[in-house]
PDB file of all heavy atoms in Angstrom:
ATOM      1  N   LEU A   1       0.830  -1.210   0.000  1.00  0.00           N
ATOM      2  CA  LEU A   1       0.000   0.000   0.000  1.00  0.00           C
ATOM      3  C   LEU A   1       0.862   1.257   0.000  1.00  0.00           C
ATOM      4  O   LEU A   1       0.560   2.228  -0.707  1.00  0.00           O
ATOM      5  CB  LEU A   1      -0.930  -0.007   1.221  1.00  0.00           C
ATOM      6  CG  LEU A   1      -2.107  -0.985   1.164  1.00  0.00           C
ATOM      7  CD1 LEU A   1      -2.783  -1.072   2.533  1.00  0.00           C
ATOM      8  CD2 LEU A   1      -3.128  -0.567   0.098  1.00  0.00           C
ATOM      9  N   GLU A   2       1.921   1.257   0.768  1.00  0.00           N
ATOM     10  CA  GLU A   2       2.802   2.422   0.789  1.00  0.00           C
ATOM     11  C   GLU A   2       3.477   2.634  -0.567  1.00  0.00           C
ATOM     12  O   GLU A   2       3.725   3.764  -0.978  1.00  0.00           O
ATOM     13  CB  GLU A   2       3.835   2.278   1.891  1.00  0.00           C
ATOM     14  CG  GLU A   2       3.245   2.383   3.291  1.00  0.00           C
ATOM     15  CD  GLU A   2       4.254   2.801   4.335  1.00  0.00           C
ATOM     16  OE1 GLU A   2       5.420   2.379   4.208  1.00  0.00           O
ATOM     17  OE2 GLU A   2       3.865   3.534   5.264  1.00  0.00           O
ATOM     18  N   LYS A   3       3.746   1.536  -1.268  1.00  0.00           N
ATOM     19  CA  LYS A   3       4.389   1.630  -2.578  1.00  0.00           C
ATOM     20  C   LYS A   3       3.408   2.037  -3.669  1.00  0.00           C
ATOM     21  O   LYS A   3       3.695   2.944  -4.467  1.00  0.00           O
ATOM     22  CB  LYS A   3       5.029   0.284  -2.944  1.00  0.00           C
ATOM     23  CG  LYS A   3       5.662   0.267  -4.323  1.00  0.00           C
ATOM     24  CD  LYS A   3       6.256  -1.101  -4.649  1.00  0.00           C
ATOM     25  CE  LYS A   3       6.855  -1.130  -6.055  1.00  0.00           C
ATOM     26  NZ  LYS A   3       7.408  -2.467  -6.395  1.00  0.00           N
ATOM     27  N   HIS A   4       2.268   1.374  -3.739  1.00  0.00           N
ATOM     28  CA  HIS A   4       1.345   1.546  -4.857  1.00  0.00           C
ATOM     29  C   HIS A   4       0.240   2.567  -4.611  1.00  0.00           C
ATOM     30  O   HIS A   4      -0.282   3.145  -5.565  1.00  0.00           O
ATOM     31  CB  HIS A   4       0.706   0.198  -5.212  1.00  0.00           C
ATOM     32  CG  HIS A   4       1.671  -0.825  -5.698  1.00  0.00           C
ATOM     33  ND1 HIS A   4       2.220  -0.801  -6.955  1.00  0.00           N
ATOM     34  CD2 HIS A   4       2.203  -1.917  -5.075  1.00  0.00           C
ATOM     35  CE1 HIS A   4       3.047  -1.826  -7.108  1.00  0.00           C
ATOM     36  NE2 HIS A   4       3.060  -2.513  -5.983  1.00  0.00           N
ATOM     37  N   SER A   5      -0.137   2.760  -3.357  1.00  0.00           N
ATOM     38  CA  SER A   5      -1.252   3.668  -3.018  1.00  0.00           C
ATOM     39  C   SER A   5      -0.831   4.584  -1.872  1.00  0.00           C
ATOM     40  O   SER A   5      -1.453   4.596  -0.803  1.00  0.00           O
ATOM     41  CB  SER A   5      -2.482   2.843  -2.613  1.00  0.00           C
ATOM     42  OG  SER A   5      -2.717   1.789  -3.526  1.00  0.00           O
ATOM     43  N   PRO A   6       0.218   5.374  -2.082  1.00  0.00           N
ATOM     44  CA  PRO A   6       0.808   6.138  -0.976  1.00  0.00           C
ATOM     45  C   PRO A   6      -0.090   7.205  -0.376  1.00  0.00           C
ATOM     46  O   PRO A   6       0.139   7.647   0.749  1.00  0.00           O
ATOM     47  CB  PRO A   6       2.051   6.766  -1.627  1.00  0.00           C
ATOM     48  CG  PRO A   6       1.711   6.849  -3.084  1.00  0.00           C
ATOM     49  CD  PRO A   6       0.896   5.630  -3.366  1.00  0.00           C
ATOM     50  N   ASN A   7      -1.123   7.621  -1.108  1.00  0.00           N
ATOM     51  CA  ASN A   7      -2.007   8.679  -0.601  1.00  0.00           C
ATOM     52  C   ASN A   7      -3.300   8.141  -0.015  1.00  0.00           C
ATOM     53  O   ASN A   7      -4.210   8.924   0.303  1.00  0.00           O
ATOM     54  CB  ASN A   7      -2.320   9.662  -1.737  1.00  0.00           C
ATOM     55  CG  ASN A   7      -1.078  10.374  -2.245  1.00  0.00           C
ATOM     56  OD1 ASN A   7      -0.224  10.780  -1.465  1.00  0.00           O
ATOM     57  ND2 ASN A   7      -0.977  10.499  -3.561  1.00  0.00           N
ATOM     58  N   SER A   8      -3.408   6.838   0.130  1.00  0.00           N
ATOM     59  CA  SER A   8      -4.641   6.249   0.669  1.00  0.00           C
ATOM     60  C   SER A   8      -4.748   6.461   2.177  1.00  0.00           C
ATOM     61  O   SER A   8      -3.741   6.566   2.880  1.00  0.00           O
ATOM     62  CB  SER A   8      -4.701   4.752   0.354  1.00  0.00           C
ATOM     63  OG  SER A   8      -3.599   4.064   0.915  1.00  0.00           O
ATOM     64  N   THR A   9      -5.979   6.539   2.652  1.00  0.00           N
ATOM     65  CA  THR A   9      -6.274   6.623   4.076  1.00  0.00           C
ATOM     66  C   THR A   9      -6.556   5.218   4.586  1.00  0.00           C
ATOM     67  O   THR A   9      -7.304   4.473   3.954  1.00  0.00           O
ATOM     68  CB  THR A   9      -7.484   7.531   4.322  1.00  0.00           C
ATOM     69  OG1 THR A   9      -7.169   8.860   3.862  1.00  0.00           O
ATOM     70  CG2 THR A   9      -7.856   7.583   5.792  1.00  0.00           C
ATOM     71  N   TRP A  10      -5.984   4.848   5.726  1.00  0.00           N
ATOM     72  CA  TRP A  10      -6.108   3.487   6.253  1.00  0.00           C
ATOM     73  C   TRP A  10      -7.127   3.455   7.391  1.00  0.00           C
ATOM     74  O   TRP A  10      -6.970   4.164   8.390  1.00  0.00           O
ATOM     75  CB  TRP A  10      -4.764   2.983   6.776  1.00  0.00           C
ATOM     76  CG  TRP A  10      -3.702   2.821   5.722  1.00  0.00           C
ATOM     77  CD1 TRP A  10      -3.742   3.242   4.418  1.00  0.00           C
ATOM     78  CD2 TRP A  10      -2.427   2.200   5.893  1.00  0.00           C
ATOM     79  NE1 TRP A  10      -2.585   2.918   3.774  1.00  0.00           N
ATOM     80  CE2 TRP A  10      -1.760   2.281   4.642  1.00  0.00           C
ATOM     81  CE3 TRP A  10      -1.794   1.588   6.966  1.00  0.00           C
ATOM     82  CZ2 TRP A  10      -0.468   1.765   4.453  1.00  0.00           C
ATOM     83  CZ3 TRP A  10      -0.515   1.070   6.785  1.00  0.00           C
ATOM     84  CH2 TRP A  10       0.137   1.151   5.536  1.00  0.00           C
ATOM     85  N   LEU A  11      -8.156   2.643   7.239  1.00  0.00           N
ATOM     86  CA  LEU A  11      -9.187   2.497   8.266  1.00  0.00           C
ATOM     87  C   LEU A  11      -9.062   1.133   8.933  1.00  0.00           C
ATOM     88  O   LEU A  11      -9.115   0.101   8.255  1.00  0.00           O
ATOM     89  CB  LEU A  11     -10.594   2.615   7.669  1.00  0.00           C
ATOM     90  CG  LEU A  11     -11.041   3.971   7.144  1.00  0.00           C
ATOM     91  CD1 LEU A  11     -10.549   4.196   5.720  1.00  0.00           C
ATOM     92  CD2 LEU A  11     -12.561   4.072   7.165  1.00  0.00           C
ATOM     93  N   ILE A  12      -8.904   1.103  10.229  1.00  0.00           N
ATOM     94  CA  ILE A  12      -8.893  -0.152  10.988  1.00  0.00           C
ATOM     95  C   ILE A  12     -10.345  -0.535  11.264  1.00  0.00           C
ATOM     96  O   ILE A  12     -11.091   0.213  11.891  1.00  0.00           O
ATOM     97  CB  ILE A  12      -8.115   0.006  12.304  1.00  0.00           C
ATOM     98  CG1 ILE A  12      -6.664   0.400  12.007  1.00  0.00           C
ATOM     99  CG2 ILE A  12      -8.160  -1.295  13.104  1.00  0.00           C
ATOM    100  CD1 ILE A  12      -5.850   0.708  13.253  1.00  0.00           C
ATOM    101  N   GLU A  13     -10.749  -1.720  10.781  1.00  0.00           N
ATOM    102  CA  GLU A  13     -12.158  -2.117  10.848  1.00  0.00           C
ATOM    103  C   GLU A  13     -12.304  -3.505  11.486  1.00  0.00           C
ATOM    104  O   GLU A  13     -12.896  -4.411  10.900  1.00  0.00           O
ATOM    105  CB  GLU A  13     -12.778  -2.097   9.446  1.00  0.00           C
ATOM    106  CG  GLU A  13     -14.302  -2.091   9.464  1.00  0.00           C
ATOM    107  CD  GLU A  13     -14.900  -2.136   8.077  1.00  0.00           C
ATOM    108  OE1 GLU A  13     -14.329  -2.795   7.183  1.00  0.00           O
ATOM    109  OE2 GLU A  13     -15.950  -1.515   7.889  1.00  0.00           O
ATOM    110  N   THR A  14     -11.781  -3.643  12.690  1.00  0.00           N
ATOM    111  CA  THR A  14     -11.897  -4.916  13.407  1.00  0.00           C
ATOM    112  C   THR A  14     -13.145  -4.911  14.286  1.00  0.00           C
ATOM    113  O   THR A  14     -13.651  -3.856  14.662  1.00  0.00           O
ATOM    114  CB  THR A  14     -10.650  -5.156  14.278  1.00  0.00           C
ATOM    115  OG1 THR A  14     -10.448  -4.011  15.128  1.00  0.00           O
ATOM    116  CG2 THR A  14      -9.411  -5.336  13.408  1.00  0.00           C
ATOM    117  N   ASN A  15     -13.628  -6.107  14.614  1.00  0.00           N
ATOM    118  CA  ASN A  15     -14.895  -6.224  15.350  1.00  0.00           C
ATOM    119  C   ASN A  15     -14.801  -5.806  16.807  1.00  0.00           C
ATOM    120  O   ASN A  15     -15.708  -5.200  17.351  1.00  0.00           O
ATOM    121  CB  ASN A  15     -15.421  -7.662  15.273  1.00  0.00           C
ATOM    122  CG  ASN A  15     -16.252  -7.901  14.029  1.00  0.00           C
ATOM    123  OD1 ASN A  15     -16.788  -6.959  13.444  1.00  0.00           O
ATOM    124  ND2 ASN A  15     -16.365  -9.133  13.605  1.00  0.00           N
ATOM    125  N   SER A  16     -13.701  -6.163  17.477  1.00  0.00           N
ATOM    126  CA  SER A  16     -13.602  -5.899  18.919  1.00  0.00           C
ATOM    127  C   SER A  16     -12.635  -4.762  19.209  1.00  0.00           C
ATOM    128  O   SER A  16     -11.701  -4.501  18.440  1.00  0.00           O
ATOM    129  CB  SER A  16     -13.137  -7.157  19.660  1.00  0.00           C
ATOM    130  OG  SER A  16     -11.758  -7.395  19.433  1.00  0.00           O
ATOM    131  N   LEU A  17     -12.872  -4.090  20.332  1.00  0.00           N
ATOM    132  CA  LEU A  17     -11.968  -3.017  20.743  1.00  0.00           C
ATOM    133  C   LEU A  17     -10.571  -3.551  21.021  1.00  0.00           C
ATOM    134  O   LEU A  17      -9.569  -2.883  20.745  1.00  0.00           O
ATOM    135  CB  LEU A  17     -12.530  -2.326  21.987  1.00  0.00           C
ATOM    136  CG  LEU A  17     -13.825  -1.536  21.785  1.00  0.00           C
ATOM    137  CD1 LEU A  17     -14.368  -1.072  23.121  1.00  0.00           C
ATOM    138  CD2 LEU A  17     -13.602  -0.360  20.855  1.00  0.00           C
ATOM    139  N   GLU A  18     -10.504  -4.763  21.557  1.00  0.00           N
ATOM    140  CA  GLU A  18      -9.201  -5.380  21.825  1.00  0.00           C
ATOM    141  C   GLU A  18      -8.428  -5.581  20.527  1.00  0.00           C
ATOM    142  O   GLU A  18      -7.229  -5.270  20.450  1.00  0.00           O
ATOM    143  CB  GLU A  18      -9.397  -6.730  22.523  1.00  0.00           C
ATOM    144  CG  GLU A  18      -8.089  -7.441  22.845  1.00  0.00           C
ATOM    145  CD  GLU A  18      -8.303  -8.799  23.481  1.00  0.00           C
ATOM    146  OE1 GLU A  18      -9.475  -9.200  23.664  1.00  0.00           O
ATOM    147  OE2 GLU A  18      -7.297  -9.458  23.809  1.00  0.00           O
ATOM    148  N   ASP A  19      -9.117  -6.076  19.488  1.00  0.00           N
ATOM    149  CA  ASP A  19      -8.451  -6.281  18.200  1.00  0.00           C
ATOM    150  C   ASP A  19      -8.077  -4.951  17.552  1.00  0.00           C
ATOM    151  O   ASP A  19      -7.050  -4.857  16.871  1.00  0.00           O
ATOM    152  CB  ASP A  19      -9.357  -7.079  17.257  1.00  0.00           C
ATOM    153  CG  ASP A  19      -9.345  -8.567  17.564  1.00  0.00           C
ATOM    154  OD1 ASP A  19      -8.634  -8.982  18.498  1.00  0.00           O
ATOM    155  OD2 ASP A  19     -10.059  -9.318  16.865  1.00  0.00           O
ATOM    156  N   THR A  20      -8.902  -3.938  17.760  1.00  0.00           N
ATOM    157  CA  THR A  20      -8.581  -2.611  17.228  1.00  0.00           C
ATOM    158  C   THR A  20      -7.302  -2.081  17.837  1.00  0.00           C
ATOM    159  O   THR A  20      -6.400  -1.607  17.135  1.00  0.00           O
ATOM    160  CB  THR A  20      -9.735  -1.627  17.500  1.00  0.00           C
ATOM    161  OG1 THR A  20     -10.910  -2.078  16.828  1.00  0.00           O
ATOM    162  CG2 THR A  20      -9.386  -0.230  17.012  1.00  0.00           C
ATOM    163  N   GLU A  21      -7.189  -2.193  19.158  1.00  0.00           N
ATOM    164  CA  GLU A  21      -5.979  -1.672  19.817  1.00  0.00           C
ATOM    165  C   GLU A  21      -4.751  -2.502  19.459  1.00  0.00           C
ATOM    166  O   GLU A  21      -3.664  -1.950  19.284  1.00  0.00           O
ATOM    167  CB  GLU A  21      -6.180  -1.608  21.326  1.00  0.00           C
ATOM    168  CG  GLU A  21      -5.093  -0.823  22.030  1.00  0.00           C
ATOM    169  CD  GLU A  21      -5.546  -0.168  23.316  1.00  0.00           C
ATOM    170  OE1 GLU A  21      -6.559  -0.604  23.900  1.00  0.00           O
ATOM    171  OE2 GLU A  21      -4.886   0.807  23.742  1.00  0.00           O
ATOM    172  N   LYS A  22      -4.921  -3.814  19.329  1.00  0.00           N
ATOM    173  CA  LYS A  22      -3.808  -4.663  18.879  1.00  0.00           C
ATOM    174  C   LYS A  22      -3.297  -4.203  17.512  1.00  0.00           C
ATOM    175  O   LYS A  22      -2.095  -4.167  17.252  1.00  0.00           O
ATOM    176  CB  LYS A  22      -4.259  -6.119  18.781  1.00  0.00           C
ATOM    177  CG  LYS A  22      -4.355  -6.888  20.080  1.00  0.00           C
ATOM    178  CD  LYS A  22      -4.776  -8.325  19.771  1.00  0.00           C
ATOM    179  CE  LYS A  22      -5.005  -9.140  21.030  1.00  0.00           C
ATOM    180  NZ  LYS A  22      -5.464 -10.523  20.697  1.00  0.00           N
ATOM    181  N   SER A  23      -4.235  -3.859  16.647  1.00  0.00           N
ATOM    182  CA  SER A  23      -3.880  -3.461  15.289  1.00  0.00           C
ATOM    183  C   SER A  23      -3.207  -2.091  15.271  1.00  0.00           C
ATOM    184  O   SER A  23      -2.262  -1.863  14.497  1.00  0.00           O
ATOM    185  CB  SER A  23      -5.133  -3.464  14.409  1.00  0.00           C
ATOM    186  OG  SER A  23      -5.705  -4.762  14.368  1.00  0.00           O
ATOM    187  N   ILE A  24      -3.669  -1.173  16.118  1.00  0.00           N
ATOM    188  CA  ILE A  24      -2.995   0.118  16.247  1.00  0.00           C
ATOM    189  C   ILE A  24      -1.553  -0.084  16.699  1.00  0.00           C
ATOM    190  O   ILE A  24      -0.609   0.494  16.136  1.00  0.00           O
ATOM    191  CB  ILE A  24      -3.734   1.026  17.253  1.00  0.00           C
ATOM    192  CG1 ILE A  24      -5.134   1.379  16.753  1.00  0.00           C
ATOM    193  CG2 ILE A  24      -2.930   2.313  17.509  1.00  0.00           C
ATOM    194  CD1 ILE A  24      -6.010   2.059  17.803  1.00  0.00           C
ATOM    195  N   GLN A  25      -1.378  -0.912  17.710  1.00  0.00           N
ATOM    196  CA  GLN A  25      -0.044  -1.182  18.240  1.00  0.00           C
ATOM    197  C   GLN A  25       0.853  -1.821  17.185  1.00  0.00           C
ATOM    198  O   GLN A  25       2.044  -1.505  17.081  1.00  0.00           O
ATOM    199  CB  GLN A  25      -0.139  -2.082  19.477  1.00  0.00           C
ATOM    200  CG  GLN A  25      -0.759  -1.429  20.696  1.00  0.00           C
ATOM    201  CD  GLN A  25       0.136  -0.368  21.309  1.00  0.00           C
ATOM    202  OE1 GLN A  25       1.333  -0.286  21.030  1.00  0.00           O
ATOM    203  NE2 GLN A  25      -0.439   0.459  22.182  1.00  0.00           N
ATOM    204  N   TRP A  26       0.273  -2.724  16.376  1.00  0.00           N
ATOM    205  CA  TRP A  26       1.062  -3.365  15.314  1.00  0.00           C
ATOM    206  C   TRP A  26       1.542  -2.333  14.304  1.00  0.00           C
ATOM    207  O   TRP A  26       2.710  -2.344  13.890  1.00  0.00           O
ATOM    208  CB  TRP A  26       0.222  -4.437  14.609  1.00  0.00           C
ATOM    209  CG  TRP A  26       1.010  -5.231  13.601  1.00  0.00           C
ATOM    210  CD1 TRP A  26       1.696  -6.382  13.809  1.00  0.00           C
ATOM    211  CD2 TRP A  26       1.206  -4.885  12.212  1.00  0.00           C
ATOM    212  NE1 TRP A  26       2.313  -6.791  12.642  1.00  0.00           N
ATOM    213  CE2 TRP A  26       2.034  -5.907  11.658  1.00  0.00           C
ATOM    214  CE3 TRP A  26       0.768  -3.853  11.411  1.00  0.00           C
ATOM    215  CZ2 TRP A  26       2.418  -5.884  10.302  1.00  0.00           C
ATOM    216  CZ3 TRP A  26       1.168  -3.823  10.068  1.00  0.00           C
ATOM    217  CH2 TRP A  26       1.969  -4.834   9.548  1.00  0.00           C
ATOM    218  N   LEU A  27       0.666  -1.416  13.912  1.00  0.00           N
ATOM    219  CA  LEU A  27       1.074  -0.352  12.986  1.00  0.00           C
ATOM    220  C   LEU A  27       2.178   0.513  13.580  1.00  0.00           C
ATOM    221  O   LEU A  27       3.142   0.866  12.884  1.00  0.00           O
ATOM    222  CB  LEU A  27      -0.132   0.519  12.630  1.00  0.00           C
ATOM    223  CG  LEU A  27      -1.206  -0.097  11.734  1.00  0.00           C
ATOM    224  CD1 LEU A  27      -2.389   0.857  11.595  1.00  0.00           C
ATOM    225  CD2 LEU A  27      -0.663  -0.471  10.362  1.00  0.00           C
ATOM    226  N   MET A  28       2.052   0.819  14.860  1.00  0.00           N
ATOM    227  CA  MET A  28       3.069   1.648  15.516  1.00  0.00           C
ATOM    228  C   MET A  28       4.399   0.910  15.622  1.00  0.00           C
ATOM    229  O   MET A  28       5.462   1.459  15.314  1.00  0.00           O
ATOM    230  CB  MET A  28       2.575   2.070  16.899  1.00  0.00           C
ATOM    231  CG  MET A  28       1.364   2.991  16.875  1.00  0.00           C
ATOM    232  SD  MET A  28       0.688   3.351  18.530  1.00  0.00           S
ATOM    233  CE  MET A  28       2.025   4.351  19.195  1.00  0.00           C
ATOM    234  N   ASN A  29       4.340  -0.344  16.032  1.00  0.00           N
ATOM    235  CA  ASN A  29       5.561  -1.129  16.216  1.00  0.00           C
ATOM    236  C   ASN A  29       6.317  -1.358  14.916  1.00  0.00           C
ATOM    237  O   ASN A  29       7.538  -1.534  14.920  1.00  0.00           O
ATOM    238  CB  ASN A  29       5.245  -2.479  16.862  1.00  0.00           C
ATOM    239  CG  ASN A  29       4.762  -2.352  18.297  1.00  0.00           C
ATOM    240  OD1 ASN A  29       5.005  -1.336  18.955  1.00  0.00           O
ATOM    241  ND2 ASN A  29       4.057  -3.359  18.792  1.00  0.00           N
ATOM    242  N   ASN A  30       5.562  -1.371  13.811  1.00  0.00           N
ATOM    243  CA  ASN A  30       6.188  -1.609  12.512  1.00  0.00           C
ATOM    244  C   ASN A  30       6.357  -0.325  11.686  1.00  0.00           C
ATOM    245  O   ASN A  30       6.614  -0.382  10.483  1.00  0.00           O
ATOM    246  CB  ASN A  30       5.375  -2.636  11.729  1.00  0.00           C
ATOM    247  CG  ASN A  30       5.481  -4.030  12.320  1.00  0.00           C
ATOM    248  OD1 ASN A  30       6.502  -4.700  12.147  1.00  0.00           O
ATOM    249  ND2 ASN A  30       4.463  -4.458  13.040  1.00  0.00           N
TER     250      ASN A  30
END
């Protein structure tokens, strides 16, 4: 996505709040 669609907006769309926060942390860690 960073290579091919660099101007896209990324929406985290997980079902649970726990999974949402896990995904935020994964983006930050990487």
